[in-house]
N, C-alpha and C. Protein backbone atom coordinates (compact mmCIF):
# COMPACT_ATOMS: atom_id res chain seq x y z
N MET A 1 0.82 -1.19 0.00
CA MET A 1 0.00 0.00 0.00
C MET A 1 0.86 1.25 0.00
N ASN A 2 1.80 1.33 -0.90
CA ASN A 2 2.70 2.47 -0.98
C ASN A 2 1.98 3.73 -1.42
N ASP A 3 0.87 3.60 -2.08
CA ASP A 3 0.15 4.77 -2.56
C ASP A 3 -0.88 5.27 -1.55
N THR A 4 -0.79 4.82 -0.32
CA THR A 4 -1.73 5.26 0.71
C THR A 4 -0.99 6.02 1.80
N ILE A 5 -1.78 6.76 2.57
CA ILE A 5 -1.23 7.54 3.67
C ILE A 5 -2.01 7.22 4.94
N THR A 6 -1.38 7.44 6.07
CA THR A 6 -2.04 7.17 7.34
C THR A 6 -2.97 8.33 7.70
N ILE A 7 -3.86 8.07 8.63
CA ILE A 7 -4.76 9.12 9.08
C ILE A 7 -3.97 10.25 9.75
N GLY A 8 -2.88 9.90 10.43
CA GLY A 8 -2.05 10.92 11.07
C GLY A 8 -1.41 11.85 10.04
N TYR A 9 -0.92 11.27 8.95
CA TYR A 9 -0.32 12.06 7.88
C TYR A 9 -1.38 12.94 7.21
N LEU A 10 -2.55 12.37 6.97
CA LEU A 10 -3.64 13.13 6.36
C LEU A 10 -4.04 14.29 7.27
N ALA A 11 -4.11 14.04 8.56
CA ALA A 11 -4.46 15.09 9.52
C ALA A 11 -3.41 16.20 9.51
N LYS A 12 -2.16 15.81 9.53
CA LYS A 12 -1.08 16.81 9.55
C LYS A 12 -1.07 17.64 8.28
N ARG A 13 -1.17 17.00 7.13
CA ARG A 13 -1.12 17.72 5.85
C ARG A 13 -2.35 18.58 5.61
N SER A 14 -3.50 18.14 6.07
CA SER A 14 -4.75 18.87 5.80
C SER A 14 -5.06 19.91 6.88
N GLY A 15 -4.44 19.76 8.05
CA GLY A 15 -4.75 20.66 9.15
C GLY A 15 -6.08 20.33 9.81
N VAL A 16 -6.60 19.14 9.55
CA VAL A 16 -7.88 18.69 10.10
C VAL A 16 -7.59 17.59 11.12
N ALA A 17 -8.19 17.69 12.27
CA ALA A 17 -7.96 16.71 13.33
C ALA A 17 -8.36 15.31 12.88
N ALA A 18 -7.65 14.31 13.37
CA ALA A 18 -7.96 12.92 13.03
C ALA A 18 -9.39 12.57 13.41
N SER A 19 -9.88 13.13 14.52
CA SER A 19 -11.26 12.86 14.93
C SER A 19 -12.24 13.39 13.89
N ALA A 20 -11.94 14.55 13.31
CA ALA A 20 -12.81 15.11 12.26
C ALA A 20 -12.74 14.24 11.01
N LEU A 21 -11.55 13.73 10.70
CA LEU A 21 -11.42 12.84 9.53
C LEU A 21 -12.23 11.57 9.72
N ARG A 22 -12.20 11.02 10.93
CA ARG A 22 -13.01 9.83 11.21
C ARG A 22 -14.49 10.17 11.08
N PHE A 23 -14.88 11.37 11.51
CA PHE A 23 -16.27 11.80 11.36
C PHE A 23 -16.63 11.94 9.88
N TYR A 24 -15.76 12.57 9.10
CA TYR A 24 -15.99 12.67 7.65
C TYR A 24 -16.16 11.27 7.05
N GLU A 25 -15.33 10.35 7.50
CA GLU A 25 -15.42 8.98 6.99
C GLU A 25 -16.76 8.36 7.38
N SER A 26 -17.20 8.57 8.61
CA SER A 26 -18.48 8.00 9.05
C SER A 26 -19.66 8.57 8.26
N ARG A 27 -19.51 9.80 7.75
CA ARG A 27 -20.55 10.44 6.95
C ARG A 27 -20.41 10.10 5.46
N GLY A 28 -19.38 9.32 5.10
CA GLY A 28 -19.20 8.92 3.72
C GLY A 28 -18.53 9.96 2.83
N LEU A 29 -17.94 10.99 3.44
CA LEU A 29 -17.29 12.04 2.66
C LEU A 29 -15.91 11.62 2.17
N ILE A 30 -15.24 10.81 2.96
CA ILE A 30 -13.96 10.21 2.57
C ILE A 30 -14.03 8.74 2.97
N ARG A 31 -13.12 7.96 2.45
CA ARG A 31 -13.12 6.55 2.87
C ARG A 31 -11.70 6.04 3.00
N SER A 32 -11.52 5.17 3.96
CA SER A 32 -10.22 4.55 4.17
C SER A 32 -10.18 3.26 3.36
N VAL A 33 -8.99 2.79 3.17
CA VAL A 33 -8.78 1.54 2.45
C VAL A 33 -8.01 0.59 3.36
N GLY A 34 -8.10 -0.66 3.08
CA GLY A 34 -7.37 -1.63 3.88
C GLY A 34 -8.29 -2.49 4.71
N GLU A 35 -7.67 -3.20 5.62
CA GLU A 35 -8.41 -4.17 6.41
C GLU A 35 -8.99 -3.54 7.67
N PRO A 36 -10.22 -3.92 8.00
CA PRO A 36 -10.82 -3.42 9.25
C PRO A 36 -9.97 -3.83 10.46
N GLY A 37 -9.91 -2.96 11.43
CA GLY A 37 -9.15 -3.27 12.63
C GLY A 37 -7.68 -2.88 12.55
N LYS A 38 -7.23 -2.49 11.39
CA LYS A 38 -5.85 -2.05 11.24
C LYS A 38 -5.82 -0.53 11.15
N THR A 39 -4.64 0.03 11.14
CA THR A 39 -4.49 1.48 11.04
C THR A 39 -5.21 2.00 9.81
N ARG A 40 -5.99 3.07 10.02
CA ARG A 40 -6.70 3.67 8.88
C ARG A 40 -5.68 4.20 7.89
N ARG A 41 -5.88 3.86 6.62
CA ARG A 41 -5.05 4.38 5.55
C ARG A 41 -5.99 4.94 4.48
N PHE A 42 -5.53 5.96 3.82
CA PHE A 42 -6.32 6.64 2.80
C PHE A 42 -5.52 6.75 1.52
N CYS A 43 -6.21 6.72 0.39
CA CYS A 43 -5.55 7.02 -0.87
C CYS A 43 -5.10 8.48 -0.80
N ARG A 44 -4.02 8.78 -1.50
CA ARG A 44 -3.47 10.14 -1.45
C ARG A 44 -4.46 11.21 -1.89
N ASP A 45 -5.38 10.85 -2.77
CA ASP A 45 -6.33 11.87 -3.23
C ASP A 45 -7.32 12.28 -2.13
N ALA A 46 -7.32 11.58 -0.99
CA ALA A 46 -8.16 11.99 0.13
C ALA A 46 -7.77 13.39 0.61
N LEU A 47 -6.51 13.75 0.44
CA LEU A 47 -6.07 15.08 0.83
C LEU A 47 -6.81 16.15 0.03
N ARG A 48 -7.00 15.92 -1.26
CA ARG A 48 -7.74 16.88 -2.08
C ARG A 48 -9.22 16.89 -1.71
N ARG A 49 -9.77 15.73 -1.39
CA ARG A 49 -11.18 15.68 -0.98
C ARG A 49 -11.38 16.45 0.32
N VAL A 50 -10.46 16.30 1.26
CA VAL A 50 -10.56 17.02 2.53
C VAL A 50 -10.44 18.52 2.26
N SER A 51 -9.55 18.92 1.38
CA SER A 51 -9.43 20.33 1.02
C SER A 51 -10.73 20.84 0.42
N PHE A 52 -11.34 20.04 -0.43
CA PHE A 52 -12.63 20.39 -1.03
C PHE A 52 -13.68 20.57 0.06
N ILE A 53 -13.73 19.64 1.00
CA ILE A 53 -14.70 19.71 2.10
C ILE A 53 -14.49 20.99 2.90
N ARG A 54 -13.26 21.28 3.23
CA ARG A 54 -12.96 22.47 4.03
C ARG A 54 -13.32 23.75 3.26
N ALA A 55 -13.02 23.79 1.96
CA ALA A 55 -13.37 24.97 1.16
C ALA A 55 -14.87 25.16 1.12
N ALA A 56 -15.60 24.08 0.95
CA ALA A 56 -17.06 24.16 0.90
C ALA A 56 -17.62 24.61 2.25
N GLN A 57 -17.03 24.13 3.34
CA GLN A 57 -17.47 24.56 4.66
C GLN A 57 -17.21 26.06 4.86
N THR A 58 -16.10 26.53 4.34
CA THR A 58 -15.78 27.96 4.44
C THR A 58 -16.83 28.80 3.73
N LEU A 59 -17.40 28.25 2.66
CA LEU A 59 -18.46 28.94 1.94
C LEU A 59 -19.79 28.89 2.68
N GLY A 60 -19.85 28.11 3.75
CA GLY A 60 -21.07 28.04 4.55
C GLY A 60 -21.92 26.82 4.27
N LEU A 61 -21.40 25.89 3.47
CA LEU A 61 -22.17 24.68 3.18
C LEU A 61 -22.03 23.71 4.34
N ASN A 62 -23.10 22.99 4.63
CA ASN A 62 -23.03 22.00 5.70
C ASN A 62 -22.60 20.64 5.13
N LEU A 63 -22.30 19.71 6.01
CA LEU A 63 -21.78 18.42 5.55
C LEU A 63 -22.78 17.64 4.71
N GLN A 64 -24.06 17.82 4.96
CA GLN A 64 -25.06 17.13 4.13
C GLN A 64 -24.99 17.66 2.70
N GLU A 65 -24.91 18.98 2.55
CA GLU A 65 -24.83 19.57 1.21
C GLU A 65 -23.54 19.16 0.51
N ILE A 66 -22.45 19.12 1.26
CA ILE A 66 -21.17 18.70 0.69
C ILE A 66 -21.23 17.24 0.28
N GLY A 67 -21.81 16.41 1.14
CA GLY A 67 -21.94 14.99 0.84
C GLY A 67 -22.78 14.75 -0.40
N GLU A 68 -23.86 15.50 -0.55
CA GLU A 68 -24.70 15.36 -1.74
C GLU A 68 -23.93 15.72 -3.00
N ALA A 69 -23.11 16.74 -2.91
CA ALA A 69 -22.30 17.14 -4.07
C ALA A 69 -21.26 16.07 -4.39
N LEU A 70 -20.57 15.58 -3.37
CA LEU A 70 -19.54 14.57 -3.60
C LEU A 70 -20.14 13.24 -4.06
N ALA A 71 -21.37 12.97 -3.67
CA ALA A 71 -22.02 11.72 -4.09
C ALA A 71 -22.27 11.69 -5.59
N ARG A 72 -22.27 12.85 -6.23
CA ARG A 72 -22.46 12.90 -7.67
C ARG A 72 -21.22 12.47 -8.45
N LEU A 73 -20.11 12.33 -7.73
CA LEU A 73 -18.86 11.91 -8.38
C LEU A 73 -18.75 10.39 -8.33
N PRO A 74 -18.29 9.78 -9.41
CA PRO A 74 -18.17 8.31 -9.41
C PRO A 74 -17.03 7.82 -8.52
N GLN A 75 -17.28 6.74 -7.83
CA GLN A 75 -16.26 6.02 -7.05
C GLN A 75 -15.47 6.91 -6.10
N GLN A 76 -16.14 7.86 -5.49
CA GLN A 76 -15.49 8.74 -4.52
C GLN A 76 -14.28 9.49 -5.13
N ARG A 77 -14.33 9.73 -6.42
CA ARG A 77 -13.25 10.41 -7.12
C ARG A 77 -13.08 11.83 -6.60
N THR A 78 -11.86 12.29 -6.60
CA THR A 78 -11.57 13.66 -6.22
C THR A 78 -12.10 14.61 -7.28
N PRO A 79 -12.73 15.70 -6.89
CA PRO A 79 -13.27 16.64 -7.87
C PRO A 79 -12.19 17.24 -8.77
N THR A 80 -12.46 17.27 -10.05
CA THR A 80 -11.58 17.91 -11.02
C THR A 80 -11.98 19.38 -11.13
N VAL A 81 -11.25 20.13 -11.93
CA VAL A 81 -11.59 21.54 -12.15
C VAL A 81 -12.99 21.64 -12.75
N ASP A 82 -13.30 20.78 -13.72
CA ASP A 82 -14.64 20.79 -14.33
C ASP A 82 -15.72 20.42 -13.31
N ASP A 83 -15.43 19.43 -12.46
CA ASP A 83 -16.37 19.06 -11.40
C ASP A 83 -16.62 20.24 -10.47
N TRP A 84 -15.55 20.91 -10.06
CA TRP A 84 -15.68 22.04 -9.15
C TRP A 84 -16.55 23.13 -9.78
N ALA A 85 -16.33 23.41 -11.07
CA ALA A 85 -17.13 24.43 -11.75
C ALA A 85 -18.60 24.04 -11.76
N ARG A 86 -18.89 22.78 -12.06
CA ARG A 86 -20.27 22.31 -12.10
C ARG A 86 -20.91 22.35 -10.71
N LEU A 87 -20.17 21.89 -9.72
CA LEU A 87 -20.70 21.88 -8.35
C LEU A 87 -20.91 23.30 -7.83
N SER A 88 -19.96 24.18 -8.11
CA SER A 88 -20.10 25.55 -7.61
C SER A 88 -21.25 26.28 -8.30
N MET A 89 -21.50 25.98 -9.56
CA MET A 89 -22.65 26.59 -10.24
C MET A 89 -23.96 26.12 -9.59
N ALA A 90 -24.00 24.87 -9.17
CA ALA A 90 -25.20 24.35 -8.50
C ALA A 90 -25.39 25.02 -7.15
N TRP A 91 -24.31 25.44 -6.51
CA TRP A 91 -24.38 26.08 -5.20
C TRP A 91 -24.65 27.58 -5.31
N LYS A 92 -24.54 28.14 -6.48
CA LYS A 92 -24.65 29.59 -6.64
C LYS A 92 -25.95 30.17 -6.05
N PRO A 93 -27.12 29.59 -6.34
CA PRO A 93 -28.35 30.14 -5.74
C PRO A 93 -28.36 30.06 -4.21
N LEU A 94 -27.86 28.97 -3.68
CA LEU A 94 -27.79 28.81 -2.23
C LEU A 94 -26.87 29.86 -1.62
N LEU A 95 -25.71 30.04 -2.22
CA LEU A 95 -24.76 31.02 -1.71
C LEU A 95 -25.31 32.44 -1.83
N GLN A 96 -25.99 32.74 -2.94
CA GLN A 96 -26.56 34.06 -3.11
C GLN A 96 -27.63 34.33 -2.07
N ALA A 97 -28.43 33.33 -1.77
CA ALA A 97 -29.46 33.49 -0.73
C ALA A 97 -28.81 33.78 0.62
N ARG A 98 -27.70 33.12 0.91
CA ARG A 98 -27.01 33.36 2.18
C ARG A 98 -26.38 34.75 2.20
N ILE A 99 -25.82 35.17 1.08
CA ILE A 99 -25.24 36.53 0.98
C ILE A 99 -26.34 37.56 1.21
N ASP A 100 -27.48 37.36 0.57
CA ASP A 100 -28.60 38.29 0.73
C ASP A 100 -29.07 38.35 2.17
N ALA A 101 -29.16 37.19 2.81
CA ALA A 101 -29.60 37.15 4.21
C ALA A 101 -28.60 37.85 5.12
N LEU A 102 -27.32 37.65 4.89
CA LEU A 102 -26.29 38.30 5.70
C LEU A 102 -26.29 39.81 5.46
N THR A 103 -26.51 40.21 4.23
CA THR A 103 -26.57 41.64 3.92
C THR A 103 -27.74 42.30 4.66
N ARG A 104 -28.91 41.64 4.63
CA ARG A 104 -30.08 42.16 5.36
C ARG A 104 -29.78 42.23 6.85
N LEU A 105 -29.14 41.22 7.39
CA LEU A 105 -28.81 41.20 8.80
C LEU A 105 -27.85 42.34 9.15
N ARG A 106 -26.87 42.55 8.31
CA ARG A 106 -25.90 43.63 8.54
C ARG A 106 -26.58 44.99 8.48
N ASP A 107 -27.44 45.17 7.51
CA ASP A 107 -28.09 46.47 7.30
C ASP A 107 -29.21 46.68 8.30
């Protein structure tokens, strides 16, 4: 499994706590590979998926919304530039509604 990384390495590189990564895994946002009961290992592209999750959270999306977007990708594939463009266009009305609500709250 040379092409995999440990949960500790993923946590360190992503800046996300291992407990949060396990939570993401329990929600189906990322997945580990290998045998049950052994150290969690992830494909290297999990780092990009975690970055995607964090970016989406920064935009104000919740994990359910992020999970629904990621579920549209085959085989838990990491989003490509084209995927990101398509997903972000789908989020545009939601984000605009949140911007409008925050603007009203501010004013």
